[in-house]
C-alpha atoms as a PDB file:
ATOM      1  CA  UNK A   1      48.064 -34.429 -80.851  1.00  0.00           C
ATOM      2  CA  UNK A   2      45.964 -37.518 -81.523  1.00  0.00           C
ATOM      3  CA  UNK A   3      43.018 -38.066 -79.198  1.00  0.00           C
ATOM      4  CA  UNK A   4      43.750 -41.078 -76.962  1.00  0.00           C
ATOM      5  CA  UNK A   5      41.222 -43.879 -76.658  1.00  0.00           C
ATOM      6  CA  UNK A   6      39.384 -43.021 -73.474  1.00  0.00           C
ATOM      7  CA  UNK A   7      36.597 -44.899 -71.731  1.00  0.00           C
ATOM      8  CA  UNK A   8      33.289 -43.050 -71.527  1.00  0.00           C
ATOM      9  CA  UNK A   9      33.586 -42.554 -67.777  1.00  0.00           C
ATOM     10  CA  UNK A  10      36.964 -40.844 -68.175  1.00  0.00           C
ATOM     11  CA  UNK A  11      36.054 -38.439 -70.994  1.00  0.00           C
ATOM     12  CA  UNK A  12      34.566 -35.822 -68.705  1.00  0.00           C
ATOM     13  CA  UNK A  13      37.548 -35.854 -66.378  1.00  0.00           C
ATOM     14  CA  UNK A  14      39.884 -35.490 -69.346  1.00  0.00           C
ATOM     15  CA  UNK A  15      37.839 -32.593 -70.714  1.00  0.00           C
ATOM     16  CA  UNK A  16      37.693 -30.913 -67.310  1.00  0.00           C
ATOM     17  CA  UNK A  17      41.444 -31.292 -66.758  1.00  0.00           C
ATOM     18  CA  UNK A  18      42.281 -29.980 -70.210  1.00  0.00           C
ATOM     19  CA  UNK A  19      40.027 -26.982 -69.773  1.00  0.00           C
ATOM     20  CA  UNK A  20      41.536 -26.214 -66.396  1.00  0.00           C
ATOM     21  CA  UNK A  21      45.183 -26.543 -67.314  1.00  0.00           C
ATOM     22  CA  UNK A  22      45.154 -25.226 -70.878  1.00  0.00           C
ATOM     23  CA  UNK A  23      43.485 -21.924 -70.090  1.00  0.00           C
ATOM     24  CA  UNK A  24      44.525 -21.555 -66.462  1.00  0.00           C
ATOM     25  CA  UNK A  25      40.880 -21.321 -65.420  1.00  0.00           C
ATOM     26  CA  UNK A  26      37.743 -23.342 -65.910  1.00  0.00           C
ATOM     27  CA  UNK A  27      35.188 -21.481 -67.972  1.00  0.00           C
ATOM     28  CA  UNK A  28      32.142 -22.772 -66.140  1.00  0.00           C
ATOM     29  CA  UNK A  29      29.240 -21.538 -68.289  1.00  0.00           C
ATOM     30  CA  UNK A  30      30.837 -22.695 -71.530  1.00  0.00           C
ATOM     31  CA  UNK A  31      31.619 -26.195 -70.229  1.00  0.00           C
ATOM     32  CA  UNK A  32      28.650 -27.034 -68.023  1.00  0.00           C
ATOM     33  CA  UNK A  33      26.226 -27.807 -70.854  1.00  0.00           C
ATOM     34  CA  UNK A  34      28.553 -30.357 -72.461  1.00  0.00           C
ATOM     35  CA  UNK A  35      29.294 -31.996 -69.104  1.00  0.00           C
ATOM     36  CA  UNK A  36      25.582 -32.200 -68.342  1.00  0.00           C
ATOM     37  CA  UNK A  37      25.011 -33.883 -71.713  1.00  0.00           C
ATOM     38  CA  UNK A  38      27.701 -36.410 -70.809  1.00  0.00           C
ATOM     39  CA  UNK A  39      26.033 -37.046 -67.440  1.00  0.00           C
ATOM     40  CA  UNK A  40      22.666 -37.518 -69.127  1.00  0.00           C
ATOM     41  CA  UNK A  41      24.192 -40.019 -71.559  1.00  0.00           C
ATOM     42  CA  UNK A  42      25.834 -41.901 -68.688  1.00  0.00           C
ATOM     43  CA  UNK A  43      22.454 -42.106 -66.971  1.00  0.00           C
ATOM     44  CA  UNK A  44      20.822 -43.406 -70.150  1.00  0.00           C
ATOM     45  CA  UNK A  45      23.626 -45.975 -70.414  1.00  0.00           C
ATOM     46  CA  UNK A  46      22.734 -47.240 -66.944  1.00  0.00           C
ATOM     47  CA  UNK A  47      25.652 -45.526 -65.221  1.00  0.00           C
ATOM     48  CA  UNK A  48      23.894 -43.144 -62.849  1.00  0.00           C
ATOM     49  CA  UNK A  49      26.774 -43.683 -60.430  1.00  0.00           C
ATOM     50  CA  UNK A  50      29.235 -42.197 -62.922  1.00  0.00           C
ATOM     51  CA  UNK A  51      26.852 -39.385 -63.793  1.00  0.00           C
ATOM     52  CA  UNK A  52      26.743 -38.440 -60.099  1.00  0.00           C
ATOM     53  CA  UNK A  53      30.537 -38.508 -59.889  1.00  0.00           C
ATOM     54  CA  UNK A  54      30.791 -36.272 -62.941  1.00  0.00           C
ATOM     55  CA  UNK A  55      28.241 -33.799 -61.579  1.00  0.00           C
ATOM     56  CA  UNK A  56      29.983 -33.837 -58.202  1.00  0.00           C
ATOM     57  CA  UNK A  57      33.187 -32.634 -59.895  1.00  0.00           C
ATOM     58  CA  UNK A  58      31.225 -29.928 -61.697  1.00  0.00           C
ATOM     59  CA  UNK A  59      29.408 -28.901 -58.491  1.00  0.00           C
ATOM     60  CA  UNK A  60      32.681 -28.638 -56.604  1.00  0.00           C
ATOM     61  CA  UNK A  61      34.073 -26.460 -59.367  1.00  0.00           C
ATOM     62  CA  UNK A  62      30.921 -24.311 -59.229  1.00  0.00           C
ATOM     63  CA  UNK A  63      31.427 -23.892 -55.502  1.00  0.00           C
ATOM     64  CA  UNK A  64      34.906 -22.454 -55.994  1.00  0.00           C
ATOM     65  CA  UNK A  65      34.372 -20.690 -59.342  1.00  0.00           C
ATOM     66  CA  UNK A  66      31.206 -18.812 -58.296  1.00  0.00           C
ATOM     67  CA  UNK A  67      29.311 -18.974 -61.612  1.00  0.00           C
ATOM     68  CA  UNK A  68      26.056 -17.189 -62.365  1.00  0.00           C
ATOM     69  CA  UNK A  69      22.758 -18.479 -60.960  1.00  0.00           C
ATOM     70  CA  UNK A  70      21.673 -19.940 -64.309  1.00  0.00           C
ATOM     71  CA  UNK A  71      24.768 -22.125 -64.461  1.00  0.00           C
ATOM     72  CA  UNK A  72      24.249 -23.310 -60.891  1.00  0.00           C
ATOM     73  CA  UNK A  73      20.639 -24.185 -61.667  1.00  0.00           C
ATOM     74  CA  UNK A  74      21.668 -26.222 -64.720  1.00  0.00           C
ATOM     75  CA  UNK A  75      23.844 -28.411 -62.490  1.00  0.00           C
ATOM     76  CA  UNK A  76      21.126 -28.760 -59.848  1.00  0.00           C
ATOM     77  CA  UNK A  77      18.459 -29.612 -62.431  1.00  0.00           C
ATOM     78  CA  UNK A  78      20.684 -32.239 -64.045  1.00  0.00           C
ATOM     79  CA  UNK A  79      21.466 -33.829 -60.672  1.00  0.00           C
ATOM     80  CA  UNK A  80      17.810 -33.932 -59.678  1.00  0.00           C
ATOM     81  CA  UNK A  81      16.993 -35.853 -62.881  1.00  0.00           C
ATOM     82  CA  UNK A  82      19.300 -38.750 -62.007  1.00  0.00           C
ATOM     83  CA  UNK A  83      17.359 -41.669 -60.546  1.00  0.00           C
ATOM     84  CA  UNK A  84      18.979 -42.147 -57.134  1.00  0.00           C
ATOM     85  CA  UNK A  85      17.761 -42.719 -53.614  1.00  0.00           C
ATOM     86  CA  UNK A  86      16.304 -39.662 -51.901  1.00  0.00           C
ATOM     87  CA  UNK A  87      18.977 -39.924 -49.208  1.00  0.00           C
ATOM     88  CA  UNK A  88      21.898 -40.083 -51.664  1.00  0.00           C
ATOM     89  CA  UNK A  89      24.944 -38.402 -50.072  1.00  0.00           C
ATOM     90  CA  UNK A  90      26.293 -37.617 -53.548  1.00  0.00           C
ATOM     91  CA  UNK A  91      23.098 -35.831 -54.586  1.00  0.00           C
ATOM     92  CA  UNK A  92      23.077 -33.938 -51.283  1.00  0.00           C
ATOM     93  CA  UNK A  93      26.668 -32.785 -51.873  1.00  0.00           C
ATOM     94  CA  UNK A  94      25.936 -31.755 -55.461  1.00  0.00           C
ATOM     95  CA  UNK A  95      22.971 -29.635 -54.382  1.00  0.00           C
ATOM     96  CA  UNK A  96      25.001 -28.019 -51.603  1.00  0.00           C
ATOM     97  CA  UNK A  97      28.103 -27.321 -53.673  1.00  0.00           C
ATOM     98  CA  UNK A  98      26.371 -26.175 -56.854  1.00  0.00           C
ATOM     99  CA  UNK A  99      23.851 -23.884 -55.167  1.00  0.00           C
ATOM    100  CA  UNK A 100      24.640 -23.470 -51.452  1.00  0.00           C
ATOM    101  CA  UNK A 101      22.461 -20.397 -50.874  1.00  0.00           C
ATOM    102  CA  UNK A 102      19.612 -21.443 -53.150  1.00  0.00           C
ATOM    103  CA  UNK A 103      19.364 -25.033 -51.840  1.00  0.00           C
ATOM    104  CA  UNK A 104      20.468 -24.561 -48.225  1.00  0.00           C
ATOM    105  CA  UNK A 105      17.078 -25.392 -46.679  1.00  0.00           C
ATOM    106  CA  UNK A 106      16.655 -28.605 -48.676  1.00  0.00           C
ATOM    107  CA  UNK A 107      20.258 -29.623 -48.051  1.00  0.00           C
ATOM    108  CA  UNK A 108      19.969 -29.015 -44.299  1.00  0.00           C
ATOM    109  CA  UNK A 109      16.845 -31.200 -44.209  1.00  0.00           C
ATOM    110  CA  UNK A 110      18.648 -33.967 -46.131  1.00  0.00           C
ATOM    111  CA  UNK A 111      21.703 -33.754 -43.854  1.00  0.00           C
ATOM    112  CA  UNK A 112      19.575 -34.178 -40.736  1.00  0.00           C
ATOM    113  CA  UNK A 113      18.185 -37.461 -42.094  1.00  0.00           C
ATOM    114  CA  UNK A 114      21.637 -38.922 -42.727  1.00  0.00           C
ATOM    115  CA  UNK A 115      23.058 -41.203 -40.002  1.00  0.00           C
ATOM    116  CA  UNK A 116      26.715 -40.167 -39.691  1.00  0.00           C
ATOM    117  CA  UNK A 117      27.354 -43.279 -37.624  1.00  0.00           C
ATOM    118  CA  UNK A 118      26.493 -45.454 -40.643  1.00  0.00           C
ATOM    119  CA  UNK A 119      30.156 -46.351 -41.104  1.00  0.00           C
ATOM    120  CA  UNK A 120      30.476 -45.394 -44.781  1.00  0.00           C
ATOM    121  CA  UNK A 121      33.453 -43.017 -44.964  1.00  0.00           C
ATOM    122  CA  UNK A 122      32.659 -41.936 -48.536  1.00  0.00           C
ATOM    123  CA  UNK A 123      29.078 -41.042 -47.651  1.00  0.00           C
ATOM    124  CA  UNK A 124      30.236 -39.244 -44.493  1.00  0.00           C
ATOM    125  CA  UNK A 125      32.716 -37.250 -46.595  1.00  0.00           C
ATOM    126  CA  UNK A 126      29.952 -36.140 -48.981  1.00  0.00           C
ATOM    127  CA  UNK A 127      27.628 -35.168 -46.119  1.00  0.00           C
ATOM    128  CA  UNK A 128      30.497 -33.289 -44.476  1.00  0.00           C
ATOM    129  CA  UNK A 129      31.158 -31.405 -47.714  1.00  0.00           C
ATOM    130  CA  UNK A 130      27.470 -30.556 -47.994  1.00  0.00           C
ATOM    131  CA  UNK A 131      27.303 -29.435 -44.368  1.00  0.00           C
ATOM    132  CA  UNK A 132      30.336 -27.214 -44.789  1.00  0.00           C
ATOM    133  CA  UNK A 133      28.947 -25.648 -47.985  1.00  0.00           C
ATOM    134  CA  UNK A 134      25.664 -24.635 -46.338  1.00  0.00           C
ATOM    135  CA  UNK A 135      27.144 -23.644 -42.979  1.00  0.00           C
ATOM    136  CA  UNK A 136      26.124 -26.600 -40.782  1.00  0.00           C
ATOM    137  CA  UNK A 137      29.397 -26.652 -38.888  1.00  0.00           C
ATOM    138  CA  UNK A 138      28.171 -29.017 -36.151  1.00  0.00           C
ATOM    139  CA  UNK A 139      27.619 -31.788 -38.709  1.00  0.00           C
ATOM    140  CA  UNK A 140      30.809 -30.783 -40.508  1.00  0.00           C
ATOM    141  CA  UNK A 141      32.763 -31.187 -37.235  1.00  0.00           C
ATOM    142  CA  UNK A 142      31.200 -34.610 -36.727  1.00  0.00           C
ATOM    143  CA  UNK A 143      32.050 -35.675 -40.282  1.00  0.00           C
ATOM    144  CA  UNK A 144      35.594 -34.266 -40.103  1.00  0.00           C
ATOM    145  CA  UNK A 145      36.695 -34.560 -36.480  1.00  0.00           C
ATOM    146  CA  UNK A 146      39.932 -32.857 -35.466  1.00  0.00           C
ATOM    147  CA  UNK A 147      43.036 -35.058 -35.299  1.00  0.00           C
ATOM    148  CA  UNK A 148      43.604 -36.929 -32.078  1.00  0.00           C
ATOM    149  CA  UNK A 149      45.903 -35.322 -29.548  1.00  0.00           C
ATOM    150  CA  UNK A 150      49.493 -36.189 -30.306  1.00  0.00           C
ATOM    151  CA  UNK A 151      48.969 -36.646 -34.038  1.00  0.00           C
ATOM    152  CA  UNK A 152      50.922 -34.130 -36.021  1.00  0.00           C
ATOM    153  CA  UNK A 153      50.226 -33.377 -39.719  1.00  0.00           C
ATOM    154  CA  UNK A 154      53.288 -35.413 -40.760  1.00  0.00           C
ATOM    155  CA  UNK A 155      52.710 -38.213 -38.243  1.00  0.00           C
ATOM    156  CA  UNK A 156      52.190 -41.803 -39.281  1.00  0.00           C
ATOM    157  CA  UNK A 157      48.777 -43.128 -40.371  1.00  0.00           C
ATOM    158  CA  UNK A 158      48.353 -45.115 -37.177  1.00  0.00           C
ATOM    159  CA  UNK A 159      47.821 -42.097 -34.878  1.00  0.00           C
END
């Protein structure tokens, strides 16, 4: 099959999806290095935002795939090289998801500095993911409150 023309920011997603669906599992150690190279190139191209998104996908996969410590550290090291604000919710989530045990202390410190009332649902989602990964269930509950009374799972969006 001919390779479709794909924008740089979509190449990693395409590679990740192919690897997941073609083999039935994502071979983390074999794929991480190439994804990190892509993230580094995105950063060099001035697209640190896309590099973070790419590494967030990889970190989430690491969280569920349980790779070896060396693989986790590759993801963490790559994320820490991206020039972003110290309070970046994306970076916090990457650290928590890629290496929850190894980075728990740093992640918990970062979470405590984040104002959940800031009104940014995307940032709150990332902090909630990070909190859940490292076991801070009070923050997780604040980030993901239970549904309001009377709202059923199939209820309308206006509950």
